[in-house]
Protein backbone atom coordinates (compact mmCIF):
# COMPACT_ATOMS: atom_id res chain seq x y z
CA MET A 1 0.00 0.00 0.00
CA THR A 2 1.53 3.30 -1.11
CA GLU A 3 2.03 5.85 1.66
CA PRO A 4 -0.60 8.62 1.58
CA SER A 5 0.51 11.63 -0.44
CA LYS A 6 -0.89 14.94 -1.67
CA VAL A 7 -0.06 13.63 -5.16
CA ILE A 8 -2.65 11.37 -6.81
CA HIS A 9 -1.82 8.97 -9.64
CA ILE A 10 -4.59 8.27 -12.22
CA ARG A 11 -4.29 5.37 -14.71
CA ASN A 12 -6.17 4.36 -17.89
CA VAL A 13 -6.53 7.97 -19.02
CA GLY A 14 -7.55 7.62 -22.67
CA HIS A 15 -6.92 10.31 -25.28
CA GLU A 16 -10.61 11.23 -25.20
CA ILE A 17 -10.23 12.32 -21.55
CA SER A 18 -9.26 15.96 -21.02
CA GLU A 19 -7.46 17.61 -18.15
CA ASN A 20 -10.71 19.28 -17.13
CA ASP A 21 -12.48 15.90 -17.00
CA LEU A 22 -9.97 14.71 -14.39
CA LEU A 23 -10.12 17.96 -12.46
CA GLN A 24 -13.88 17.56 -12.13
CA LEU A 25 -13.38 14.15 -10.50
CA VAL A 26 -11.47 15.64 -7.57
CA GLN A 27 -12.70 19.25 -7.34
CA PRO A 28 -15.41 18.46 -4.76
CA PHE A 29 -12.69 17.34 -2.33
CA GLY A 30 -10.36 20.34 -2.51
CA VAL A 31 -8.09 22.54 -4.59
CA VAL A 32 -5.71 21.11 -7.20
CA THR A 33 -2.42 23.01 -7.10
CA LYS A 34 -0.41 21.13 -9.78
CA PHE A 35 -1.30 18.88 -12.70
CA VAL A 36 0.74 16.72 -15.07
CA MET A 37 -0.84 14.81 -17.96
CA LEU A 38 1.32 11.84 -19.07
CA ARG A 39 -0.29 11.24 -22.46
CA ALA A 40 2.28 8.72 -23.66
CA LYS A 41 1.50 6.48 -20.67
CA ASN A 42 -2.27 7.16 -20.47
CA GLN A 43 -1.70 8.46 -16.96
CA ALA A 44 -1.94 11.70 -15.00
CA LEU A 45 -0.55 13.10 -11.77
CA LEU A 46 -2.26 15.82 -9.78
CA GLN A 47 -1.36 17.41 -6.49
CA MET A 48 -4.04 18.42 -4.00
CA HIS A 49 -3.67 21.48 -1.79
CA ASP A 50 -3.28 19.33 1.33
CA LEU A 51 -3.03 15.70 2.40
CA THR A 52 -6.54 15.58 3.86
CA SER A 53 -8.07 16.46 0.48
CA ALA A 54 -6.08 13.70 -1.22
CA VAL A 55 -7.08 11.13 1.42
CA ASN A 56 -10.75 12.10 0.99
CA VAL A 57 -10.44 11.53 -2.78
CA LEU A 58 -9.00 8.04 -2.28
CA GLN A 59 -11.54 7.12 0.40
CA TYR A 60 -14.46 8.13 -1.83
CA TYR A 61 -13.22 6.33 -4.93
CA THR A 62 -12.48 3.15 -2.98
CA SER A 63 -16.24 2.55 -2.83
CA VAL A 64 -17.23 4.31 -6.08
CA GLN A 65 -15.63 3.33 -9.38
CA PRO A 66 -14.68 6.58 -11.16
CA SER A 67 -15.68 6.65 -14.83
CA VAL A 68 -14.83 9.40 -17.32
CA ARG A 69 -16.44 9.53 -20.77
CA GLY A 70 -17.46 5.89 -20.42
CA ARG A 71 -13.96 4.71 -19.41
CA ASN A 72 -13.07 3.44 -15.93
CA VAL A 73 -10.05 5.22 -14.50
CA TYR A 74 -8.04 3.99 -11.52
CA ILE A 75 -6.86 6.25 -8.71
CA GLN A 76 -4.13 5.67 -6.14
CA PHE A 77 -1.59 7.63 -4.13
CA SER A 78 1.56 8.50 -6.04
CA SER A 79 5.01 7.56 -4.78
CA HIS A 80 5.81 11.30 -5.15
CA GLN A 81 5.10 13.45 -2.11
CA GLU A 82 5.33 16.64 -4.21
CA LEU A 83 5.22 17.51 -7.91
CA THR A 84 8.20 19.65 -8.84
CA THR A 85 8.30 22.45 -11.38
CA ALA A 86 10.60 20.27 -13.46
CA ASP A 87 7.93 17.56 -13.57
CA GLN A 88 5.38 20.05 -14.80
CA ASN A 89 7.62 21.62 -17.42
CA SER A 90 8.75 18.28 -18.86
CA GLN A 91 5.34 16.61 -18.97
CA GLY A 92 2.84 19.41 -18.45
CA ARG A 93 0.36 21.29 -20.53
CA LYS A 94 1.18 21.87 -24.14
CA GLY A 95 2.38 25.41 -24.54
CA ASP A 96 3.80 25.91 -21.05
CA GLN A 97 7.38 25.69 -22.31
CA ASP A 98 6.65 27.90 -25.32
CA SER A 99 5.15 30.78 -23.33
CA GLN A 100 7.81 32.91 -21.69
CA PRO A 101 6.86 34.80 -18.52
CA ASN A 102 5.57 38.29 -19.25
CA ARG A 103 3.13 40.74 -17.69
CA ILE A 104 0.01 39.42 -19.46
CA LEU A 105 -1.72 36.29 -18.19
CA LEU A 106 -4.12 34.06 -20.12
CA VAL A 107 -6.67 32.71 -17.62
CA THR A 108 -9.11 29.86 -18.34
CA ILE A 109 -11.85 29.25 -15.79
CA HIS A 110 -13.04 25.64 -15.43
CA HIS A 111 -16.24 24.41 -13.74
CA MET A 112 -17.80 27.88 -13.75
CA LEU A 113 -20.96 27.72 -11.67
CA TYR A 114 -20.97 31.38 -10.67
CA PRO A 115 -20.80 34.38 -13.04
CA ILE A 116 -17.29 35.82 -13.32
CA THR A 117 -17.15 39.55 -14.00
CA VAL A 118 -14.31 41.96 -14.72
CA GLU A 119 -14.78 43.24 -11.15
CA VAL A 120 -14.43 39.73 -9.69
CA LEU A 121 -11.24 39.11 -11.68
CA HIS A 122 -9.83 42.48 -10.63
CA GLN A 123 -10.53 41.64 -6.98
CA VAL A 124 -8.79 38.24 -7.32
CA PHE A 125 -5.70 39.44 -9.20
CA SER A 126 -5.08 42.97 -7.86
CA PRO A 127 -3.51 41.83 -4.54
CA TYR A 128 -0.39 40.79 -6.53
CA GLY A 129 0.20 44.11 -8.27
CA LEU A 130 -1.33 46.89 -10.34
CA VAL A 131 -3.77 45.44 -12.89
CA GLU A 132 -3.90 47.72 -15.93
CA LYS A 133 -6.31 45.95 -18.28
CA ILE A 134 -8.70 42.97 -18.36
CA VAL A 135 -10.39 41.46 -21.42
CA THR A 136 -12.81 38.53 -21.17
CA PHE A 137 -14.12 36.32 -23.99
CA GLN A 138 -15.62 32.95 -24.81
CA LYS A 139 -13.58 30.29 -26.64
CA SER A 140 -13.98 26.57 -27.24
CA ALA A 141 -11.81 25.99 -24.14
CA GLY A 142 -14.43 27.85 -22.09
CA PHE A 143 -14.56 31.25 -20.42
CA GLN A 144 -11.20 33.01 -20.66
CA ALA A 145 -9.61 36.31 -19.71
CA LEU A 146 -6.43 38.22 -20.49
CA ILE A 147 -5.06 40.16 -17.54
CA GLN A 148 -2.32 42.74 -18.00
CA TYR A 149 -0.20 43.81 -15.04
CA GLN A 150 2.04 46.86 -14.86
CA SER A 151 5.02 44.62 -14.17
CA ARG A 152 6.19 41.17 -15.15
CA GLN A 153 7.02 40.41 -11.51
CA SER A 154 3.38 40.91 -10.49
CA ALA A 155 2.22 38.47 -13.18
CA LEU A 156 4.78 35.89 -12.01
CA GLN A 157 3.64 36.21 -8.41
CA ALA A 158 -0.06 36.00 -9.36
CA ARG A 159 0.46 32.86 -11.45
CA SER A 160 2.54 31.21 -8.74
CA SER A 161 -0.05 31.97 -6.04
CA LEU A 162 -3.30 31.41 -7.94
CA GLN A 163 -2.63 28.57 -10.41
CA GLY A 164 -5.10 25.76 -9.75
CA ARG A 165 -6.97 27.65 -7.04
CA ASN A 166 -10.76 28.14 -7.00
CA ILE A 167 -12.34 31.60 -6.99
CA TYR A 168 -15.36 30.17 -5.16
CA ASP A 169 -15.41 27.10 -2.95
CA GLY A 170 -15.57 24.00 -5.14
CA CYS A 171 -15.85 25.75 -8.51
CA CYS A 172 -14.46 28.41 -10.88
CA GLN A 173 -10.96 26.93 -10.97
CA LEU A 174 -8.16 29.09 -12.40
CA ASP A 175 -5.89 27.70 -15.12
CA ILE A 176 -3.23 30.37 -15.69
CA GLN A 177 -0.63 30.58 -18.45
CA PHE A 178 1.53 33.40 -19.77
CA SER A 179 0.21 35.09 -22.89
CA ASN A 180 2.51 35.80 -25.85
CA LEU A 181 0.90 39.23 -26.36
CA ASN A 182 2.88 42.38 -25.65
CA GLU A 183 0.00 44.79 -25.03
CA LEU A 184 -3.77 44.46 -24.65
CA GLN A 185 -5.92 46.69 -26.82
CA VAL A 186 -9.08 47.71 -24.97
CA ASN A 187 -11.70 49.68 -26.92
CA TYR A 188 -14.52 49.81 -24.37
CA ASN A 189 -15.00 49.86 -20.62
CA ASN A 190 -17.93 47.53 -20.00
CA GLU A 191 -18.80 44.17 -18.46
CA ARG A 192 -16.44 42.31 -20.84
CA SER A 193 -13.38 44.54 -20.87
CA ARG A 194 -11.79 47.31 -18.82
CA ASP A 195 -8.80 49.61 -19.11
CA PHE A 196 -8.18 50.72 -15.56
CA THR A 197 -5.63 53.30 -16.78
CA ASN A 198 -8.21 55.02 -19.02
CA PRO A 199 -11.61 55.34 -17.29
CA SER A 200 -12.92 57.70 -20.01
CA LEU A 201 -13.29 54.95 -22.64
CA PRO A 202 -16.88 54.57 -23.95
CA THR A 203 -19.13 51.59 -23.38
CA GLU A 204 -19.90 49.65 -26.54
CA GLN A 205 -23.08 50.23 -28.49
CA ARG A 206 -25.82 47.72 -27.84
CA GLY A 207 -25.71 44.82 -30.28
CA LYS A 208 -22.03 45.31 -31.08
CA SER A 209 -19.24 43.16 -29.80
CA SER A 210 -15.91 44.48 -28.61
CA GLN A 211 -12.52 42.77 -28.61
CA HIS A 212 -12.98 40.79 -31.84
CA SER A 213 -9.28 39.99 -31.92
CA TYR A 214 -9.24 38.09 -28.62
CA GLY A 215 -12.01 35.56 -28.97
CA ASP A 216 -15.55 34.66 -29.81
CA ALA A 217 -18.01 37.49 -29.50
CA GLY A 218 -20.58 37.01 -26.78
CA SER A 219 -21.83 38.06 -23.42
CA LEU A 220 -19.67 37.75 -20.33
CA TYR A 221 -22.35 35.43 -19.02
CA ALA A 222 -22.49 33.21 -22.10
CA LEU A 223 -21.21 30.07 -20.38
CA GLN A 224 -23.29 30.69 -17.29
CA VAL A 225 -26.48 31.39 -19.21
CA SER A 226 -26.14 28.52 -21.66
CA GLY A 227 -25.43 26.17 -18.77
CA ALA A 228 -28.47 27.49 -16.94
CA ARG A 229 -30.69 26.86 -19.95
CA VAL A 230 -29.55 23.26 -20.21
CA ALA A 231 -28.93 22.15 -16.68
CA PHE A 232 -30.94 24.47 -14.48
CA ALA A 233 -33.94 25.25 -16.63
CA GLN A 234 -36.44 24.96 -13.81
CA MET A 235 -34.58 27.12 -11.33
CA GLY A 236 -32.34 29.45 -13.30
CA ASN A 237 -30.16 29.67 -10.19
CA ALA A 238 -26.88 27.86 -10.69
CA ALA A 239 -25.24 29.49 -7.67
CA ALA A 240 -27.96 28.31 -5.29
CA ILE A 241 -27.74 24.78 -6.67
CA ALA A 242 -23.97 24.76 -6.21
CA ALA A 243 -24.50 25.90 -2.62
CA ALA A 244 -26.92 22.99 -2.06
CA PHE A 245 -24.04 20.66 -2.97
CA SER A 246 -21.69 22.49 -0.56
CA GLY A 247 -20.18 24.55 -3.35
CA GLY A 248 -19.26 21.75 -5.77
CA LEU A 249 -21.25 19.32 -7.86
CA PRO A 250 -20.81 15.57 -7.27
CA PRO A 251 -17.88 13.94 -9.12
CA GLY A 252 -18.67 13.42 -12.78
CA VAL A 253 -21.78 15.66 -12.71
CA THR A 254 -21.09 18.50 -15.15
CA GLY A 255 -24.26 20.55 -14.97
CA THR A 256 -24.07 21.00 -18.76
CA ASN A 257 -25.66 17.74 -19.94
CA ASP A 258 -28.68 18.21 -22.23
CA ARG A 259 -29.89 14.58 -22.32
CA CYS A 260 -32.98 14.12 -20.16
CA THR A 261 -34.00 10.52 -20.92
CA LEU A 262 -32.41 7.55 -19.15
CA LEU A 263 -32.39 3.85 -20.02
CA ALA A 264 -32.72 1.65 -16.93
CA THR A 265 -31.83 -2.01 -17.44
CA ASN A 266 -31.46 -5.20 -15.38
CA LEU A 267 -34.74 -4.50 -13.61
CA ASN A 268 -36.78 -7.23 -11.94
CA PRO A 269 -39.80 -7.44 -14.31
CA ASP A 270 -41.88 -9.40 -11.78
CA LYS A 271 -41.74 -6.64 -9.17
CA ILE A 272 -41.14 -3.33 -10.93
CA ASP A 273 -43.73 -0.95 -12.38
CA GLU A 274 -43.85 2.70 -13.48
CA ASP A 275 -44.97 4.08 -10.12
CA LYS A 276 -42.17 2.31 -8.26
CA LEU A 277 -39.63 3.72 -10.71
CA PHE A 278 -41.19 7.15 -10.23
CA ASN A 279 -40.82 6.87 -6.45
CA LEU A 280 -37.10 6.13 -6.80
CA PHE A 281 -36.11 8.54 -9.57
CA SER A 282 -38.17 11.45 -8.22
CA ILE A 283 -35.63 11.81 -5.41
CA TYR A 284 -33.24 13.34 -7.96
CA GLY A 285 -35.60 15.48 -10.06
CA ASN A 286 -39.03 15.88 -11.55
CA ILE A 287 -40.31 13.04 -13.74
CA VAL A 288 -41.96 13.80 -17.10
CA ARG A 289 -42.93 10.27 -18.14
CA ILE A 290 -41.87 6.62 -17.79
CA LYS A 291 -42.19 3.73 -20.22
CA LEU A 292 -41.57 0.04 -19.56
CA LEU A 293 -40.34 -1.69 -22.73
CA ARG A 294 -42.74 -4.58 -23.29
CA ASN A 295 -40.41 -6.40 -25.69
CA LYS A 296 -37.61 -6.13 -23.09
CA PRO A 297 -39.35 -6.49 -19.73
CA ASP A 298 -36.22 -5.70 -17.72
CA HIS A 299 -35.77 -2.34 -19.55
CA ALA A 300 -37.44 1.03 -18.91
CA LEU A 301 -37.12 4.60 -20.17
CA VAL A 302 -37.29 7.44 -17.62
CA GLN A 303 -37.55 11.05 -18.80
CA MET A 304 -36.31 13.54 -16.18
CA GLY A 305 -37.21 17.21 -15.96
CA ASP A 306 -33.82 18.36 -17.27
CA GLY A 307 -30.32 17.12 -18.07
CA PHE A 308 -28.87 18.09 -14.70
CA GLN A 309 -31.42 15.98 -12.85
CA ALA A 310 -30.74 13.09 -15.24
CA GLU A 311 -27.02 13.35 -14.39
CA LEU A 312 -27.81 13.22 -10.68
CA ALA A 313 -29.94 10.10 -11.11
CA VAL A 314 -27.16 8.32 -13.03
CA HIS A 315 -24.54 9.37 -10.50
CA PHE A 316 -26.47 8.27 -7.40
CA LEU A 317 -28.45 5.26 -8.69
CA LYS A 318 -26.12 3.43 -11.08
CA GLY A 319 -25.38 0.05 -9.51
CA ALA A 320 -28.05 0.32 -6.80
CA LEU A 321 -29.69 -2.93 -5.67
CA LEU A 322 -33.41 -3.10 -6.38
CA PHE A 323 -35.49 -6.26 -5.93
CA GLY A 324 -32.40 -8.49 -6.09
CA LYS A 325 -31.01 -6.88 -9.24
CA ARG A 326 -28.19 -4.36 -9.65
CA LEU A 327 -29.56 -1.38 -11.57
CA GLU A 328 -27.81 -0.44 -14.81
CA LEU A 329 -28.41 3.15 -15.84
CA ASN A 330 -27.28 5.06 -18.92
CA PHE A 331 -28.37 7.99 -21.04
CA SER A 332 -30.81 6.95 -23.76
CA LYS A 333 -30.25 7.62 -27.45
CA TYR A 334 -33.79 9.06 -27.49
CA PRO A 335 -34.07 12.74 -26.46
CA ASN A 336 -37.52 12.16 -24.96
CA ILE A 337 -40.28 9.56 -24.58
CA THR A 338 -43.07 9.93 -27.10
CA PRO A 339 -46.48 10.05 -25.34
CA ALA A 340 -48.48 6.90 -26.06
CA ALA A 341 -51.00 4.55 -24.53
CA ASP A 342 -48.26 2.53 -22.85
CA THR A 343 -46.43 5.50 -21.28
CA HIS A 344 -47.21 6.87 -17.83
CA GLU A 345 -47.37 10.67 -17.55
CA TYR A 346 -46.01 12.38 -14.43
CA ALA A 347 -45.31 15.93 -15.65
CA GLY A 348 -48.24 17.42 -13.73
CA SER A 349 -48.04 15.14 -10.71
CA SER A 350 -48.21 16.79 -7.29
CA LEU A 351 -45.83 14.05 -6.13
CA ASN A 352 -42.91 15.55 -8.10
CA ARG A 353 -40.61 16.79 -5.37
CA PHE A 354 -38.84 19.60 -7.25
CA SER A 355 -41.84 21.71 -8.29
CA ASN A 356 -41.79 24.04 -5.27
CA ASN A 357 -38.70 25.36 -3.48
CA SER A 358 -36.77 22.96 -5.67
CA VAL A 359 -33.23 24.00 -4.77
CA LYS A 360 -33.52 22.81 -1.15
CA HIS A 361 -34.29 19.26 -2.33
CA TYR A 362 -30.84 18.92 -3.92
CA LYS A 363 -29.37 18.90 -0.41
CA TYR A 364 -31.04 15.53 0.17
CA CYS A 365 -29.75 13.84 -3.00
CA CYS A 366 -27.61 10.82 -2.15
CA SER A 367 -27.13 7.19 -3.08
CA PRO A 368 -29.48 4.68 -1.40
CA THR A 369 -28.73 4.24 2.31
CA LYS A 370 -29.97 1.95 5.09
CA MET A 371 -31.96 4.81 6.61
CA ILE A 372 -35.18 6.27 5.23
CA HIS A 373 -36.91 9.46 6.31
CA LEU A 374 -40.72 9.63 6.44
CA SER A 375 -42.65 12.90 6.46
CA SER A 376 -46.27 14.09 6.12
CA LEU A 377 -47.28 11.49 8.72
CA PRO A 378 -50.62 11.71 10.58
CA GLN A 379 -50.34 13.23 14.05
CA ASP A 380 -51.53 10.11 15.90
CA VAL A 381 -49.19 7.66 14.13
CA THR A 382 -47.12 5.37 16.37
CA GLU A 383 -43.80 3.60 15.89
CA GLU A 384 -45.73 0.32 15.84
CA ASP A 385 -47.85 1.62 12.94
CA ILE A 386 -44.72 2.42 10.97
CA VAL A 387 -43.07 -0.94 11.67
CA SER A 388 -46.20 -2.84 10.65
CA ARG A 389 -46.27 -0.92 7.34
CA LEU A 390 -42.61 -1.45 6.47
CA GLU A 391 -41.45 -4.72 8.04
CA GLU A 392 -42.42 -6.78 4.97
CA HIS A 393 -39.50 -5.17 3.14
CA GLY A 394 -36.73 -6.19 5.52
CA ALA A 395 -35.39 -6.34 9.05
CA ILE A 396 -35.93 -3.01 10.84
CA VAL A 397 -33.09 -2.21 13.23
CA ASN A 398 -34.50 0.97 14.78
CA VAL A 399 -37.33 3.50 14.46
CA LYS A 400 -37.59 7.03 15.80
CA LEU A 401 -40.63 9.33 15.71
CA PHE A 402 -40.13 13.08 16.16
CA GLU A 403 -41.76 16.42 15.37
CA VAL A 404 -40.53 19.33 13.23
CA ASN A 405 -42.62 22.50 13.42
CA GLY A 406 -45.44 20.46 14.92
CA LYS A 407 -45.45 17.88 12.11
CA LYS A 408 -44.74 14.19 12.68
CA GLN A 409 -41.73 12.65 10.95
CA ALA A 410 -39.80 9.42 11.39
CA LEU A 411 -36.47 7.74 10.73
CA VAL A 412 -36.38 4.03 9.99
CA LEU A 413 -33.10 2.09 9.92
CA PHE A 414 -32.98 -1.19 7.96
CA GLU A 415 -30.24 -3.83 7.96
CA ASP A 416 -29.08 -2.90 4.46
CA GLU A 417 -29.60 -0.44 1.59
CA GLU A 418 -31.55 -2.85 -0.60
CA GLN A 419 -34.26 -3.30 2.05
CA ALA A 420 -34.53 0.45 2.57
CA THR A 421 -34.71 1.01 -1.20
CA GLU A 422 -37.53 -1.54 -1.54
CA ALA A 423 -39.47 0.13 1.28
CA LEU A 424 -39.07 3.52 -0.39
CA VAL A 425 -40.16 2.45 -3.89
CA CYS A 426 -43.16 0.49 -2.54
CA LYS A 427 -44.41 2.82 0.18
CA HIS A 428 -43.59 6.39 -0.95
CA ALA A 429 -46.85 8.25 -1.71
CA ASN A 430 -48.95 5.62 0.10
CA THR A 431 -51.70 6.86 2.39
CA ILE A 432 -51.92 6.51 6.17
CA ASP A 433 -55.19 7.86 7.60
CA ARG A 434 -55.67 10.15 4.58
CA SER A 435 -52.11 11.49 4.85
CA VAL A 436 -49.94 10.93 1.76
CA ILE A 437 -46.56 10.00 3.21
CA ARG A 438 -43.30 11.02 1.62
CA ILE A 439 -40.15 8.94 1.89
CA SER A 440 -36.54 9.77 1.04
CA PHE A 441 -33.13 8.40 1.94
CA SER A 442 -31.44 9.85 5.02
CA GLN A 443 -27.69 10.47 5.16
CA LEU A 444 -27.60 9.94 8.92
CA GLN A 445 -25.60 6.93 10.03
CA SER A 446 -27.57 6.08 13.17
CA ILE A 447 -30.68 7.07 15.12
């Protein structure tokens, strides 16, 4: 067993996997300070900000197989305790050796969940010296900015201090290189560009785009807005969603997926139906419709409310045990399920959990656990009532009734996750004394 290290070694990194793909695997656990892609060996090395972050990465991926673009990658501690500058220069990003240090930095921002403005960039970079000019633009690599300092020494210090750091906790990671430009040309002072040495510059005319020479024309918020349309269509509040996940999305969840329909396979056809699938998948988003494939009775299509919710369902449910079968879950080749006599419609269902105050529900998204949480219970319900309703699904270890704001709720601990999952899919939305009970997984370890 390799001694724990801040440096993490990743194997089976195919050519289709980008540096940003690997960064997204580990970003929820902490800041990446150094990165080396070893393309010739299909490997990568990355250094976390501290040892605790690296240990958390390894602990998580011991129980969850990391997969990037359909390829399993394998993570372990490196025999290196530190990545040196020589390591990075010899094996690092293409272009690092070609770009000589100067006073202009080219900054790419990865995993941008919050809007980044000229003012935000100025606040981040000005502690290292006098920032003269900033130009932002959208390229295929993502949201980028050119930042011109008064001195080369300030640019060197900023790159050394900020490379790999996050502007916000868990997102907006800075990838900083030296530009080969000698001077930035700023024509307008507006939300996309600023010359701090010349405050009298005009703002651009509406409909026109400034800074054609630096990148694709487009709003400063182009990445944010396009992501919101795809991934956060129901809420339009990417920042609040990121906060619900403690500042960073789960590993492998991009927030930019536009595929809403999932193909669930390896189901137990004798025990599964559309309503039971609804009860399970509705934990991760609103359900539009579900269709069981009659010619393949262990297959079903599930259409989620948006691509982000579909990503969450895949992340948390893939491999879950349900009625003695391990659930296989992938994105369908079909963009949606065509309404028909054999499809079940749920778009207008009051049981969809994410219709009201939807952002708060993301806090409760998790993989199936042994513990389920019951709410909307009748006031006179007893622990015996709950046990009698649920004991057919497995051995109940413990039950606790309690009140929140005068409303009865309960925690029920089963022996294993499969039993708890069966209880949830069978009993969610059932009625007890005219009360429609709601069930979700609890992340508590004990009662």
